[in-house]
PDB file of N, CA and C in Angstrom:
ATOM      1  N   UNK A   1     109.655  70.913 110.782  1.00  0.00           N
ATOM      2  CA  UNK A   1     108.664  71.650 110.028  1.00  0.00           C
ATOM      3  C   UNK A   1     107.296  71.377 110.635  1.00  0.00           C
ATOM      4  N   UNK A   2     106.422  72.338 110.500  1.00  0.00           N
ATOM      5  CA  UNK A   2     105.112  72.184 111.123  1.00  0.00           C
ATOM      6  C   UNK A   2     104.032  71.893 110.100  1.00  0.00           C
ATOM      7  N   UNK A   3     102.856  71.566 110.586  1.00  0.00           N
ATOM      8  CA  UNK A   3     101.704  71.265 109.749  1.00  0.00           C
ATOM      9  C   UNK A   3     101.301  72.517 108.980  1.00  0.00           C
ATOM     10  N   UNK A   4     101.156  72.407 107.651  1.00  0.00           N
ATOM     11  CA  UNK A   4     100.857  73.571 106.817  1.00  0.00           C
ATOM     12  C   UNK A   4      99.483  74.155 107.106  1.00  0.00           C
ATOM     13  N   UNK A   5      98.583  73.422 107.770  1.00  0.00           N
ATOM     14  CA  UNK A   5      97.264  73.966 108.072  1.00  0.00           C
ATOM     15  C   UNK A   5      97.325  75.002 109.184  1.00  0.00           C
ATOM     16  N   UNK A   6      98.453  75.070 109.901  1.00  0.00           N
ATOM     17  CA  UNK A   6      98.594  75.998 111.020  1.00  0.00           C
ATOM     18  C   UNK A   6      99.512  77.176 110.692  1.00  0.00           C
ATOM     19  N   UNK A   7      99.772  77.429 109.443  1.00  0.00           N
ATOM     20  CA  UNK A   7     100.769  78.422 109.079  1.00  0.00           C
ATOM     21  C   UNK A   7     100.186  79.798 108.821  1.00  0.00           C
ATOM     22  N   UNK A   8     101.043  80.783 108.996  1.00  0.00           N
ATOM     23  CA  UNK A   8     100.726  82.148 108.602  1.00  0.00           C
ATOM     24  C   UNK A   8     100.887  82.235 107.093  1.00  0.00           C
ATOM     25  N   UNK A   9      99.978  82.913 106.397  1.00  0.00           N
ATOM     26  CA  UNK A   9     100.101  83.011 104.937  1.00  0.00           C
ATOM     27  C   UNK A   9     101.450  83.587 104.505  1.00  0.00           C
ATOM     28  N   UNK A  10     101.888  83.140 103.344  1.00  0.00           N
ATOM     29  CA  UNK A  10     103.166  83.547 102.769  1.00  0.00           C
ATOM     30  C   UNK A  10     102.901  84.245 101.443  1.00  0.00           C
ATOM     31  N   UNK A  11     103.674  85.293 101.186  1.00  0.00           N
ATOM     32  CA  UNK A  11     103.611  85.967  99.895  1.00  0.00           C
ATOM     33  C   UNK A  11     104.849  85.592  99.085  1.00  0.00           C
ATOM     34  N   UNK A  12     104.615  85.242  97.839  1.00  0.00           N
ATOM     35  CA  UNK A  12     105.668  84.985  96.872  1.00  0.00           C
ATOM     36  C   UNK A  12     105.605  86.131  95.867  1.00  0.00           C
ATOM     37  N   UNK A  13     106.567  87.031  95.965  1.00  0.00           N
ATOM     38  CA  UNK A  13     106.607  88.206  95.097  1.00  0.00           C
ATOM     39  C   UNK A  13     107.554  87.931  93.943  1.00  0.00           C
ATOM     40  N   UNK A  14     107.109  88.246  92.728  1.00  0.00           N
ATOM     41  CA  UNK A  14     107.925  88.023  91.540  1.00  0.00           C
ATOM     42  C   UNK A  14     108.111  89.351  90.826  1.00  0.00           C
ATOM     43  N   UNK A  15     109.366  89.718  90.595  1.00  0.00           N
ATOM     44  CA  UNK A  15     109.669  90.941  89.856  1.00  0.00           C
ATOM     45  C   UNK A  15     109.311  90.712  88.391  1.00  0.00           C
ATOM     46  N   UNK A  16     108.345  91.457  87.897  1.00  0.00           N
ATOM     47  CA  UNK A  16     107.893  91.266  86.515  1.00  0.00           C
ATOM     48  C   UNK A  16     108.587  92.192  85.525  1.00  0.00           C
ATOM     49  N   UNK A  17     109.423  93.095  86.012  1.00  0.00           N
ATOM     50  CA  UNK A  17     110.118  94.006  85.095  1.00  0.00           C
ATOM     51  C   UNK A  17     111.472  93.471  84.657  1.00  0.00           C
ATOM     52  N   UNK A  18     111.890  92.342  85.219  1.00  0.00           N
ATOM     53  CA  UNK A  18     113.181  91.749  84.880  1.00  0.00           C
ATOM     54  C   UNK A  18     113.284  91.469  83.384  1.00  0.00           C
ATOM     55  N   UNK A  19     114.418  91.868  82.820  1.00  0.00           N
ATOM     56  CA  UNK A  19     114.725  91.559  81.419  1.00  0.00           C
ATOM     57  C   UNK A  19     115.920  90.633  81.294  1.00  0.00           C
ATOM     58  N   UNK A  20     116.631  90.424  82.395  1.00  0.00           N
ATOM     59  CA  UNK A  20     117.834  89.599  82.424  1.00  0.00           C
ATOM     60  C   UNK A  20     118.860  90.080  81.403  1.00  0.00           C
ATOM     61  N   UNK A  21     118.926  91.392  81.204  1.00  0.00           N
ATOM     62  CA  UNK A  21     119.903  91.973  80.294  1.00  0.00           C
ATOM     63  C   UNK A  21     119.573  91.819  78.823  1.00  0.00           C
ATOM     64  N   UNK A  22     118.406  91.283  78.529  1.00  0.00           N
ATOM     65  CA  UNK A  22     118.004  91.073  77.137  1.00  0.00           C
ATOM     66  C   UNK A  22     117.331  92.316  76.577  1.00  0.00           C
ATOM     67  N   UNK A  23     117.446  92.564  75.281  1.00  0.00           N
ATOM     68  CA  UNK A  23     116.776  93.725  74.675  1.00  0.00           C
ATOM     69  C   UNK A  23     115.303  93.438  74.381  1.00  0.00           C
ATOM     70  N   UNK A  24     114.520  93.250  75.437  1.00  0.00           N
ATOM     71  CA  UNK A  24     113.105  92.911  75.298  1.00  0.00           C
ATOM     72  C   UNK A  24     112.293  94.197  75.201  1.00  0.00           C
ATOM     73  N   UNK A  25     111.527  94.325  74.129  1.00  0.00           N
ATOM     74  CA  UNK A  25     110.696  95.518  73.961  1.00  0.00           C
ATOM     75  C   UNK A  25     109.245  95.263  74.349  1.00  0.00           C
ATOM     76  N   UNK A  26     108.796  94.025  74.266  1.00  0.00           N
ATOM     77  CA  UNK A  26     107.423  93.661  74.607  1.00  0.00           C
ATOM     78  C   UNK A  26     107.380  93.270  76.083  1.00  0.00           C
ATOM     79  N   UNK A  27     106.696  94.082  76.908  1.00  0.00           N
ATOM     80  CA  UNK A  27     106.653  93.810  78.347  1.00  0.00           C
ATOM     81  C   UNK A  27     106.133  92.406  78.656  1.00  0.00           C
ATOM     82  N   UNK A  28     105.232  91.882  77.842  1.00  0.00           N
ATOM     83  CA  UNK A  28     104.672  90.552  78.073  1.00  0.00           C
ATOM     84  C   UNK A  28     105.714  89.452  77.888  1.00  0.00           C
ATOM     85  N   UNK A  29     106.821  89.758  77.250  1.00  0.00           N
ATOM     86  CA  UNK A  29     107.866  88.763  76.999  1.00  0.00           C
ATOM     87  C   UNK A  29     109.073  88.907  77.929  1.00  0.00           C
ATOM     88  N   UNK A  30     108.993  89.799  78.891  1.00  0.00           N
ATOM     89  CA  UNK A  30     110.086  89.934  79.855  1.00  0.00           C
ATOM     90  C   UNK A  30     110.211  88.633  80.648  1.00  0.00           C
ATOM     91  N   UNK A  31     111.421  88.176  80.914  1.00  0.00           N
ATOM     92  CA  UNK A  31     111.591  86.945  81.683  1.00  0.00           C
ATOM     93  C   UNK A  31     110.847  86.961  83.024  1.00  0.00           C
ATOM     94  N   UNK A  32     110.848  88.096  83.712  1.00  0.00           N
ATOM     95  CA  UNK A  32     110.138  88.183  84.990  1.00  0.00           C
ATOM     96  C   UNK A  32     108.638  87.995  84.831  1.00  0.00           C
ATOM     97  N   UNK A  33     108.071  88.574  83.793  1.00  0.00           N
ATOM     98  CA  UNK A  33     106.642  88.408  83.513  1.00  0.00           C
ATOM     99  C   UNK A  33     106.337  86.952  83.170  1.00  0.00           C
ATOM    100  N   UNK A  34     107.215  86.341  82.373  1.00  0.00           N
ATOM    101  CA  UNK A  34     107.018  84.939  82.007  1.00  0.00           C
ATOM    102  C   UNK A  34     107.145  84.021  83.225  1.00  0.00           C
ATOM    103  N   UNK A  35     108.052  84.351  84.155  1.00  0.00           N
ATOM    104  CA  UNK A  35     108.170  83.572  85.385  1.00  0.00           C
ATOM    105  C   UNK A  35     106.895  83.688  86.207  1.00  0.00           C
ATOM    106  N   UNK A  36     106.371  84.892  86.329  1.00  0.00           N
ATOM    107  CA  UNK A  36     105.119  85.084  87.068  1.00  0.00           C
ATOM    108  C   UNK A  36     103.993  84.275  86.436  1.00  0.00           C
ATOM    109  N   UNK A  37     103.877  84.316  85.124  1.00  0.00           N
ATOM    110  CA  UNK A  37     102.825  83.552  84.423  1.00  0.00           C
ATOM    111  C   UNK A  37     102.989  82.053  84.655  1.00  0.00           C
ATOM    112  N   UNK A  38     104.229  81.570  84.614  1.00  0.00           N
ATOM    113  CA  UNK A  38     104.475  80.148  84.841  1.00  0.00           C
ATOM    114  C   UNK A  38     104.074  79.742  86.257  1.00  0.00           C
ATOM    115  N   UNK A  39     104.344  80.596  87.227  1.00  0.00           N
ATOM    116  CA  UNK A  39     103.961  80.304  88.611  1.00  0.00           C
ATOM    117  C   UNK A  39     102.451  80.392  88.798  1.00  0.00           C
ATOM    118  N   UNK A  40     101.784  81.269  88.054  1.00  0.00           N
ATOM    119  CA  UNK A  40     100.316  81.341  88.104  1.00  0.00           C
ATOM    120  C   UNK A  40      99.701  80.020  87.667  1.00  0.00           C
ATOM    121  N   UNK A  41     100.320  79.384  86.702  1.00  0.00           N
ATOM    122  CA  UNK A  41      99.796  78.133  86.151  1.00  0.00           C
ATOM    123  C   UNK A  41     100.226  76.912  86.958  1.00  0.00           C
ATOM    124  N   UNK A  42     101.183  77.084  87.840  1.00  0.00           N
ATOM    125  CA  UNK A  42     101.680  75.975  88.656  1.00  0.00           C
ATOM    126  C   UNK A  42     100.753  75.739  89.852  1.00  0.00           C
ATOM    127  N   UNK A  43     100.952  74.613  90.477  1.00  0.00           N
ATOM    128  CA  UNK A  43     100.145  74.256  91.645  1.00  0.00           C
ATOM    129  C   UNK A  43     100.840  74.740  92.916  1.00  0.00           C
ATOM    130  N   UNK A  44     100.583  75.999  93.283  1.00  0.00           N
ATOM    131  CA  UNK A  44     101.129  76.522  94.541  1.00  0.00           C
ATOM    132  C   UNK A  44     100.287  75.992  95.699  1.00  0.00           C
ATOM    133  N   UNK A  45     100.920  75.642  96.801  1.00  0.00           N
ATOM    134  CA  UNK A  45     100.148  75.151  97.945  1.00  0.00           C
ATOM    135  C   UNK A  45      99.246  76.230  98.522  1.00  0.00           C
ATOM    136  N   UNK A  46      98.178  75.782  99.149  1.00  0.00           N
ATOM    137  CA  UNK A  46      97.296  76.703  99.860  1.00  0.00           C
ATOM    138  C   UNK A  46      98.111  77.402 100.934  1.00  0.00           C
ATOM    139  N   UNK A  47      97.933  78.705 101.057  1.00  0.00           N
ATOM    140  CA  UNK A  47      98.694  79.476 102.041  1.00  0.00           C
ATOM    141  C   UNK A  47      99.781  80.319 101.406  1.00  0.00           C
ATOM    142  N   UNK A  48     100.027  80.114 100.105  1.00  0.00           N
ATOM    143  CA  UNK A  48     101.006  80.929  99.392  1.00  0.00           C
ATOM    144  C   UNK A  48     100.259  81.792  98.380  1.00  0.00           C
ATOM    145  N   UNK A  49     100.446  83.100  98.493  1.00  0.00           N
ATOM    146  CA  UNK A  49      99.824  84.053  97.580  1.00  0.00           C
ATOM    147  C   UNK A  49     100.883  84.596  96.639  1.00  0.00           C
ATOM    148  N   UNK A  50     100.644  84.450  95.352  1.00  0.00           N
ATOM    149  CA  UNK A  50     101.552  84.935  94.320  1.00  0.00           C
ATOM    150  C   UNK A  50     101.197  86.374  93.978  1.00  0.00           C
ATOM    151  N   UNK A  51     102.206  87.241  93.958  1.00  0.00           N
ATOM    152  CA  UNK A  51     101.985  88.646  93.629  1.00  0.00           C
ATOM    153  C   UNK A  51     103.060  89.133  92.669  1.00  0.00           C
ATOM    154  N   UNK A  52     102.636  89.879  91.664  1.00  0.00           N
ATOM    155  CA  UNK A  52     103.570  90.530  90.741  1.00  0.00           C
ATOM    156  C   UNK A  52     103.980  91.862  91.337  1.00  0.00           C
ATOM    157  N   UNK A  53     105.261  92.166  91.263  1.00  0.00           N
ATOM    158  CA  UNK A  53     105.764  93.457  91.733  1.00  0.00           C
ATOM    159  C   UNK A  53     106.672  94.040  90.663  1.00  0.00           C
ATOM    160  N   UNK A  54     106.784  95.350  90.694  1.00  0.00           N
ATOM    161  CA  UNK A  54     107.679  96.019  89.753  1.00  0.00           C
ATOM    162  C   UNK A  54     109.016  96.275  90.419  1.00  0.00           C
ATOM    163  N   UNK A  55     110.038  95.960  89.731  1.00  0.00           N
ATOM    164  CA  UNK A  55     111.428  96.223  90.034  1.00  0.00           C
ATOM    165  C   UNK A  55     111.843  96.018  91.492  1.00  0.00           C
ATOM    166  N   UNK A  56     112.575  94.947  91.691  1.00  0.00           N
ATOM    167  CA  UNK A  56     113.184  94.678  92.986  1.00  0.00           C
ATOM    168  C   UNK A  56     114.618  95.219  93.042  1.00  0.00           C
ATOM    169  N   UNK A  57     114.995  96.012  92.048  1.00  0.00           N
ATOM    170  CA  UNK A  57     116.329  96.628  91.981  1.00  0.00           C
ATOM    171  C   UNK A  57     117.449  95.596  92.036  1.00  0.00           C
ATOM    172  N   UNK A  58     117.235  94.493  91.380  1.00  0.00           N
ATOM    173  CA  UNK A  58     118.239  93.440  91.296  1.00  0.00           C
ATOM    174  C   UNK A  58     118.415  93.065  89.822  1.00  0.00           C
ATOM    175  N   UNK A  59     118.368  94.075  88.987  1.00  0.00           N
ATOM    176  CA  UNK A  59     118.242  93.929  87.542  1.00  0.00           C
ATOM    177  C   UNK A  59     119.341  93.123  86.864  1.00  0.00           C
ATOM    178  N   UNK A  60     120.541  93.170  87.359  1.00  0.00           N
ATOM    179  CA  UNK A  60     121.647  92.484  86.710  1.00  0.00           C
ATOM    180  C   UNK A  60     121.764  91.020  87.126  1.00  0.00           C
ATOM    181  N   UNK A  61     120.868  90.552  87.958  1.00  0.00           N
ATOM    182  CA  UNK A  61     121.001  89.219  88.531  1.00  0.00           C
ATOM    183  C   UNK A  61     119.894  88.260  88.099  1.00  0.00           C
ATOM    184  N   UNK A  62     119.361  88.407  86.910  1.00  0.00           N
ATOM    185  CA  UNK A  62     118.312  87.515  86.422  1.00  0.00           C
ATOM    186  C   UNK A  62     117.003  87.767  87.130  1.00  0.00           C
ATOM    187  N   UNK A  63     116.075  86.839  86.979  1.00  0.00           N
ATOM    188  CA  UNK A  63     114.778  86.998  87.640  1.00  0.00           C
ATOM    189  C   UNK A  63     114.960  86.883  89.151  1.00  0.00           C
ATOM    190  N   UNK A  64     114.174  87.690  89.878  1.00  0.00           N
ATOM    191  CA  UNK A  64     114.259  87.702  91.337  1.00  0.00           C
ATOM    192  C   UNK A  64     112.885  87.506  91.947  1.00  0.00           C
ATOM    193  N   UNK A  65     112.873  86.845  93.102  1.00  0.00           N
ATOM    194  CA  UNK A  65     111.640  86.647  93.858  1.00  0.00           C
ATOM    195  C   UNK A  65     111.894  87.007  95.320  1.00  0.00           C
ATOM    196  N   UNK A  66     110.792  87.188  96.058  1.00  0.00           N
ATOM    197  CA  UNK A  66     110.850  87.417  97.496  1.00  0.00           C
ATOM    198  C   UNK A  66     109.885  86.449  98.158  1.00  0.00           C
ATOM    199  N   UNK A  67     110.302  85.862  99.272  1.00  0.00           N
ATOM    200  CA  UNK A  67     109.417  85.085 100.130  1.00  0.00           C
ATOM    201  C   UNK A  67     109.308  85.828 101.445  1.00  0.00           C
ATOM    202  N   UNK A  68     108.073  86.152 101.829  1.00  0.00           N
ATOM    203  CA  UNK A  68     107.856  86.836 103.104  1.00  0.00           C
ATOM    204  C   UNK A  68     106.534  86.375 103.700  1.00  0.00           C
ATOM    205  N   UNK A  69     106.438  86.507 105.016  1.00  0.00           N
ATOM    206  CA  UNK A  69     105.210  86.066 105.659  1.00  0.00           C
ATOM    207  C   UNK A  69     105.084  86.520 107.090  1.00  0.00           C
ATOM    208  N   UNK A  70     104.353  87.554 107.295  1.00  0.00           N
ATOM    209  CA  UNK A  70     104.042  88.005 108.645  1.00  0.00           C
ATOM    210  C   UNK A  70     105.205  88.621 109.393  1.00  0.00           C
ATOM    211  N   UNK A  71     104.908  89.197 110.554  1.00  0.00           N
ATOM    212  CA  UNK A  71     105.916  89.946 111.318  1.00  0.00           C
ATOM    213  C   UNK A  71     106.942  89.078 112.033  1.00  0.00           C
ATOM    214  N   UNK A  72     106.728  87.755 112.068  1.00  0.00           N
ATOM    215  CA  UNK A  72     107.633  86.884 112.808  1.00  0.00           C
ATOM    216  C   UNK A  72     108.506  86.010 111.919  1.00  0.00           C
ATOM    217  N   UNK A  73     108.423  86.210 110.597  1.00  0.00           N
ATOM    218  CA  UNK A  73     109.217  85.401 109.673  1.00  0.00           C
ATOM    219  C   UNK A  73     110.305  86.239 109.027  1.00  0.00           C
ATOM    220  N   UNK A  74     111.430  85.602 108.798  1.00  0.00           N
ATOM    221  CA  UNK A  74     112.489  86.208 107.992  1.00  0.00           C
ATOM    222  C   UNK A  74     111.989  86.328 106.560  1.00  0.00           C
ATOM    223  N   UNK A  75     112.477  87.331 105.844  1.00  0.00           N
ATOM    224  CA  UNK A  75     112.171  87.534 104.429  1.00  0.00           C
ATOM    225  C   UNK A  75     113.427  87.212 103.636  1.00  0.00           C
ATOM    226  N   UNK A  76     113.248  86.547 102.490  1.00  0.00           N
ATOM    227  CA  UNK A  76     114.376  86.175 101.641  1.00  0.00           C
ATOM    228  C   UNK A  76     114.170  86.684 100.223  1.00  0.00           C
ATOM    229  N   UNK A  77     115.260  87.157  99.611  1.00  0.00           N
ATOM    230  CA  UNK A  77     115.278  87.557  98.204  1.00  0.00           C
ATOM    231  C   UNK A  77     116.193  86.573  97.481  1.00  0.00           C
ATOM    232  N   UNK A  78     115.659  85.941  96.448  1.00  0.00           N
ATOM    233  CA  UNK A  78     116.442  84.991  95.645  1.00  0.00           C
ATOM    234  C   UNK A  78     116.591  85.518  94.226  1.00  0.00           C
ATOM    235  N   UNK A  79     117.747  85.232  93.629  1.00  0.00           N
ATOM    236  CA  UNK A  79     118.074  85.770  92.307  1.00  0.00           C
ATOM    237  C   UNK A  79     118.551  84.670  91.368  1.00  0.00           C
ATOM    238  N   UNK A  80     118.895  85.087  90.148  1.00  0.00           N
ATOM    239  CA  UNK A  80     119.405  84.175  89.111  1.00  0.00           C
ATOM    240  C   UNK A  80     118.388  83.086  88.773  1.00  0.00           C
ATOM    241  N   UNK A  81     117.120  83.442  88.765  1.00  0.00           N
ATOM    242  CA  UNK A  81     116.071  82.470  88.470  1.00  0.00           C
ATOM    243  C   UNK A  81     115.666  82.548  87.003  1.00  0.00           C
ATOM    244  N   UNK A  82     115.248  81.424  86.477  1.00  0.00           N
ATOM    245  CA  UNK A  82     114.822  81.322  85.087  1.00  0.00           C
ATOM    246  C   UNK A  82     113.329  81.011  85.040  1.00  0.00           C
ATOM    247  N   UNK A  83     112.661  81.598  84.082  1.00  0.00           N
ATOM    248  CA  UNK A  83     111.223  81.375  83.909  1.00  0.00           C
ATOM    249  C   UNK A  83     110.901  79.978  83.403  1.00  0.00           C
ATOM    250  N   UNK A  84     111.896  79.275  82.895  1.00  0.00           N
ATOM    251  CA  UNK A  84     111.664  77.919  82.382  1.00  0.00           C
ATOM    252  C   UNK A  84     112.279  76.837  83.274  1.00  0.00           C
ATOM    253  N   UNK A  85     113.400  77.126  83.905  1.00  0.00           N
ATOM    254  CA  UNK A  85     114.130  76.094  84.640  1.00  0.00           C
ATOM    255  C   UNK A  85     113.861  76.035  86.141  1.00  0.00           C
ATOM    256  N   UNK A  86     113.266  77.070  86.720  1.00  0.00           N
ATOM    257  CA  UNK A  86     113.212  77.136  88.182  1.00  0.00           C
ATOM    258  C   UNK A  86     111.819  77.179  88.801  1.00  0.00           C
ATOM    259  N   UNK A  87     110.784  76.925  88.031  1.00  0.00           N
ATOM    260  CA  UNK A  87     109.425  76.977  88.595  1.00  0.00           C
ATOM    261  C   UNK A  87     109.272  75.952  89.718  1.00  0.00           C
ATOM    262  N   UNK A  88     109.673  74.714  89.484  1.00  0.00           N
ATOM    263  CA  UNK A  88     109.556  73.673  90.518  1.00  0.00           C
ATOM    264  C   UNK A  88     110.454  73.980  91.719  1.00  0.00           C
ATOM    265  N   UNK A  89     111.625  74.533  91.466  1.00  0.00           N
ATOM    266  CA  UNK A  89     112.529  74.919  92.548  1.00  0.00           C
ATOM    267  C   UNK A  89     111.875  75.971  93.434  1.00  0.00           C
ATOM    268  N   UNK A  90     111.230  76.951  92.815  1.00  0.00           N
ATOM    269  CA  UNK A  90     110.555  78.017  93.571  1.00  0.00           C
ATOM    270  C   UNK A  90     109.410  77.435  94.389  1.00  0.00           C
ATOM    271  N   UNK A  91     108.630  76.543  93.791  1.00  0.00           N
ATOM    272  CA  UNK A  91     107.509  75.929  94.515  1.00  0.00           C
ATOM    273  C   UNK A  91     108.030  75.119  95.702  1.00  0.00           C
ATOM    274  N   UNK A  92     109.095  74.353  95.489  1.00  0.00           N
ATOM    275  CA  UNK A  92     109.677  73.571  96.577  1.00  0.00           C
ATOM    276  C   UNK A  92     110.163  74.483  97.705  1.00  0.00           C
ATOM    277  N   UNK A  93     110.901  75.529  97.351  1.00  0.00           N
ATOM    278  CA  UNK A  93     111.425  76.445  98.363  1.00  0.00           C
ATOM    279  C   UNK A  93     110.324  77.197  99.088  1.00  0.00           C
ATOM    280  N   UNK A  94     109.317  77.635  98.364  1.00  0.00           N
ATOM    281  CA  UNK A  94     108.196  78.363  98.975  1.00  0.00           C
ATOM    282  C   UNK A  94     107.403  77.450  99.907  1.00  0.00           C
ATOM    283  N   UNK A  95     107.236  76.199  99.519  1.00  0.00           N
ATOM    284  CA  UNK A  95     106.514  75.240 100.354  1.00  0.00           C
ATOM    285  C   UNK A  95     107.258  74.996 101.665  1.00  0.00           C
ATOM    286  N   UNK A  96     108.560  74.840 101.585  1.00  0.00           N
ATOM    287  CA  UNK A  96     109.355  74.637 102.803  1.00  0.00           C
ATOM    288  C   UNK A  96     109.325  75.888 103.677  1.00  0.00           C
ATOM    289  N   UNK A  97     109.380  77.042 103.071  1.00  0.00           N
ATOM    290  CA  UNK A  97     109.293  78.311 103.804  1.00  0.00           C
ATOM    291  C   UNK A  97     107.943  78.401 104.523  1.00  0.00           C
ATOM    292  N   UNK A  98     106.874  78.046 103.829  1.00  0.00           N
ATOM    293  CA  UNK A  98     105.524  78.072 104.398  1.00  0.00           C
ATOM    294  C   UNK A  98     105.431  77.197 105.642  1.00  0.00           C
ATOM    295  N   UNK A  99     106.144  76.094 105.665  1.00  0.00           N
ATOM    296  CA  UNK A  99     106.068  75.128 106.761  1.00  0.00           C
ATOM    297  C   UNK A  99     106.826  75.570 108.014  1.00  0.00           C
ATOM    298  N   UNK A 100     107.533  76.687 107.945  1.00  0.00           N
ATOM    299  CA  UNK A 100     108.281  77.151 109.114  1.00  0.00           C
ATOM    300  C   UNK A 100     107.514  78.225 109.865  1.00  0.00           C
ATOM    301  N   UNK A 101     107.845  78.379 111.135  1.00  0.00           N
ATOM    302  CA  UNK A 101     107.253  79.457 111.927  1.00  0.00           C
ATOM    303  C   UNK A 101     107.988  80.762 111.717  1.00  0.00           C
ATOM    304  N   UNK A 102     109.310  80.674 111.491  1.00  0.00           N
ATOM    305  CA  UNK A 102     110.138  81.877 111.428  1.00  0.00           C
ATOM    306  C   UNK A 102     110.738  82.143 110.043  1.00  0.00           C
ATOM    307  N   UNK A 103     110.430  81.285 109.064  1.00  0.00           N
ATOM    308  CA  UNK A 103     110.959  81.477 107.719  1.00  0.00           C
ATOM    309  C   UNK A 103     112.336  80.892 107.502  1.00  0.00           C
ATOM    310  N   UNK A 104     112.921  80.329 108.533  1.00  0.00           N
ATOM    311  CA  UNK A 104     114.270  79.796 108.425  1.00  0.00           C
ATOM    312  C   UNK A 104     114.223  78.299 108.129  1.00  0.00           C
ATOM    313  N   UNK A 105     114.337  77.976 106.851  1.00  0.00           N
ATOM    314  CA  UNK A 105     114.445  76.587 106.424  1.00  0.00           C
ATOM    315  C   UNK A 105     115.902  76.181 106.627  1.00  0.00           C
ATOM    316  N   UNK A 106     116.127  75.029 107.206  1.00  0.00           N
ATOM    317  CA  UNK A 106     117.504  74.578 107.408  1.00  0.00           C
ATOM    318  C   UNK A 106     118.238  74.603 106.075  1.00  0.00           C
ATOM    319  N   UNK A 107     119.479  75.059 106.125  1.00  0.00           N
ATOM    320  CA  UNK A 107     120.253  75.295 104.912  1.00  0.00           C
ATOM    321  C   UNK A 107     120.267  74.070 104.003  1.00  0.00           C
ATOM    322  N   UNK A 108     120.535  72.908 104.531  1.00  0.00           N
ATOM    323  CA  UNK A 108     120.629  71.684 103.720  1.00  0.00           C
ATOM    324  C   UNK A 108     119.273  71.245 103.169  1.00  0.00           C
ATOM    325  N   UNK A 109     118.188  71.731 103.740  1.00  0.00           N
ATOM    326  CA  UNK A 109     116.849  71.372 103.261  1.00  0.00           C
ATOM    327  C   UNK A 109     116.347  72.318 102.171  1.00  0.00           C
ATOM    328  N   UNK A 110     117.036  73.423 101.966  1.00  0.00           N
ATOM    329  CA  UNK A 110     116.640  74.370 100.917  1.00  0.00           C
ATOM    330  C   UNK A 110     117.002  73.800  99.547  1.00  0.00           C
ATOM    331  N   UNK A 111     116.236  74.159  98.517  1.00  0.00           N
ATOM    332  CA  UNK A 111     116.652  73.772  97.173  1.00  0.00           C
ATOM    333  C   UNK A 111     118.061  74.315  96.907  1.00  0.00           C
ATOM    334  N   UNK A 112     118.853  73.570  96.182  1.00  0.00           N
ATOM    335  CA  UNK A 112     120.241  73.963  95.937  1.00  0.00           C
ATOM    336  C   UNK A 112     120.334  75.377  95.364  1.00  0.00           C
ATOM    337  N   UNK A 113     119.443  75.717  94.441  1.00  0.00           N
ATOM    338  CA  UNK A 113     119.499  77.057  93.850  1.00  0.00           C
ATOM    339  C   UNK A 113     119.285  78.132  94.921  1.00  0.00           C
ATOM    340  N   UNK A 114     118.426  77.896  95.869  1.00  0.00           N
ATOM    341  CA  UNK A 114     118.194  78.857  96.946  1.00  0.00           C
ATOM    342  C   UNK A 114     119.442  78.987  97.826  1.00  0.00           C
ATOM    343  N   UNK A 115     120.140  77.899  98.068  1.00  0.00           N
ATOM    344  CA  UNK A 115     121.350  77.949  98.902  1.00  0.00           C
ATOM    345  C   UNK A 115     122.424  78.825  98.267  1.00  0.00           C
ATOM    346  N   UNK A 116     122.517  78.783  96.941  1.00  0.00           N
ATOM    347  CA  UNK A 116     123.599  79.468  96.240  1.00  0.00           C
ATOM    348  C   UNK A 116     123.216  80.838  95.699  1.00  0.00           C
ATOM    349  N   UNK A 117     121.943  81.217  95.753  1.00  0.00           N
ATOM    350  CA  UNK A 117     121.493  82.451  95.098  1.00  0.00           C
ATOM    351  C   UNK A 117     120.589  83.300  95.972  1.00  0.00           C
ATOM    352  N   UNK A 118     120.921  83.393  97.238  1.00  0.00           N
ATOM    353  CA  UNK A 118     120.172  84.258  98.149  1.00  0.00           C
ATOM    354  C   UNK A 118     120.809  85.649  98.112  1.00  0.00           C
ATOM    355  N   UNK A 119     120.057  86.627  97.633  1.00  0.00           N
ATOM    356  CA  UNK A 119     120.572  87.995  97.533  1.00  0.00           C
ATOM    357  C   UNK A 119     120.455  88.742  98.853  1.00  0.00           C
ATOM    358  N   UNK A 120     119.422  88.398  99.632  1.00  0.00           N
ATOM    359  CA  UNK A 120     119.222  89.097 100.910  1.00  0.00           C
ATOM    360  C   UNK A 120     118.392  88.237 101.853  1.00  0.00           C
ATOM    361  N   UNK A 121     118.690  88.408 103.126  1.00  0.00           N
ATOM    362  CA  UNK A 121     117.953  87.764 104.216  1.00  0.00           C
ATOM    363  C   UNK A 121     117.617  88.885 105.185  1.00  0.00           C
ATOM    364  N   UNK A 122     116.343  89.168 105.346  1.00  0.00           N
ATOM    365  CA  UNK A 122     115.897  90.341 106.111  1.00  0.00           C
ATOM    366  C   UNK A 122     115.208  89.866 107.387  1.00  0.00           C
ATOM    367  N   UNK A 123     115.623  90.387 108.544  1.00  0.00           N
ATOM    368  CA  UNK A 123     115.021  89.925 109.800  1.00  0.00           C
ATOM    369  C   UNK A 123     113.542  90.288 109.899  1.00  0.00           C
ATOM    370  N   UNK A 124     112.801  89.494 110.671  1.00  0.00           N
ATOM    371  CA  UNK A 124     111.380  89.791 110.858  1.00  0.00           C
ATOM    372  C   UNK A 124     111.185  91.099 111.629  1.00  0.00           C
ATOM    373  N   UNK A 125     110.109  91.777 111.298  1.00  0.00           N
ATOM    374  CA  UNK A 125     109.784  93.025 111.983  1.00  0.00           C
ATOM    375  C   UNK A 125     109.641  92.786 113.476  1.00  0.00           C
ATOM    376  N   UNK A 126     109.053  91.664 113.846  1.00  0.00           N
ATOM    377  CA  UNK A 126     108.863  91.329 115.250  1.00  0.00           C
ATOM    378  C   UNK A 126     110.154  91.156 116.019  1.00  0.00           C
ATOM    379  N   UNK A 127     111.270  90.930 115.333  1.00  0.00           N
ATOM    380  CA  UNK A 127     112.558  90.735 115.998  1.00  0.00           C
ATOM    381  C   UNK A 127     113.268  92.050 116.286  1.00  0.00           C
ATOM    382  N   UNK A 128     112.794  93.114 115.676  1.00  0.00           N
ATOM    383  CA  UNK A 128     113.442  94.419 115.832  1.00  0.00           C
ATOM    384  C   UNK A 128     112.751  95.204 116.932  1.00  0.00           C
ATOM    385  N   UNK A 129     113.261  95.094 118.124  1.00  0.00           N
ATOM    386  CA  UNK A 129     112.629  95.756 119.268  1.00  0.00           C
ATOM    387  C   UNK A 129     113.583  96.734 119.889  1.00  0.00           C
TER     388      UNK A 129
END
């Protein structure tokens, strides 16, 4: 892993429309919105920008997030996240992602939840030539 002061900024996208199959009528109480709020209040490292997004089309799989960063990093979509149980897991995984040049955190170094709940791994734009 490299020094975080030399990294390309990373975006942490959180799907705020997630309901996790619950009959939620108040948008402010959607699990995805609550996860975003919890991450806003958490201590994210410098270099990680938190962004709310609408619908990642992974509705049946709990709360979902995306980690992406620049044209040379892989992008990852993680699912089955909880607004109460996984805030620290997300911060740990995002921090490790930030420390890489290509977005590829060694499998054993990823938080366990990330190892078991990766919905998609998307190649960097720079790799598609």
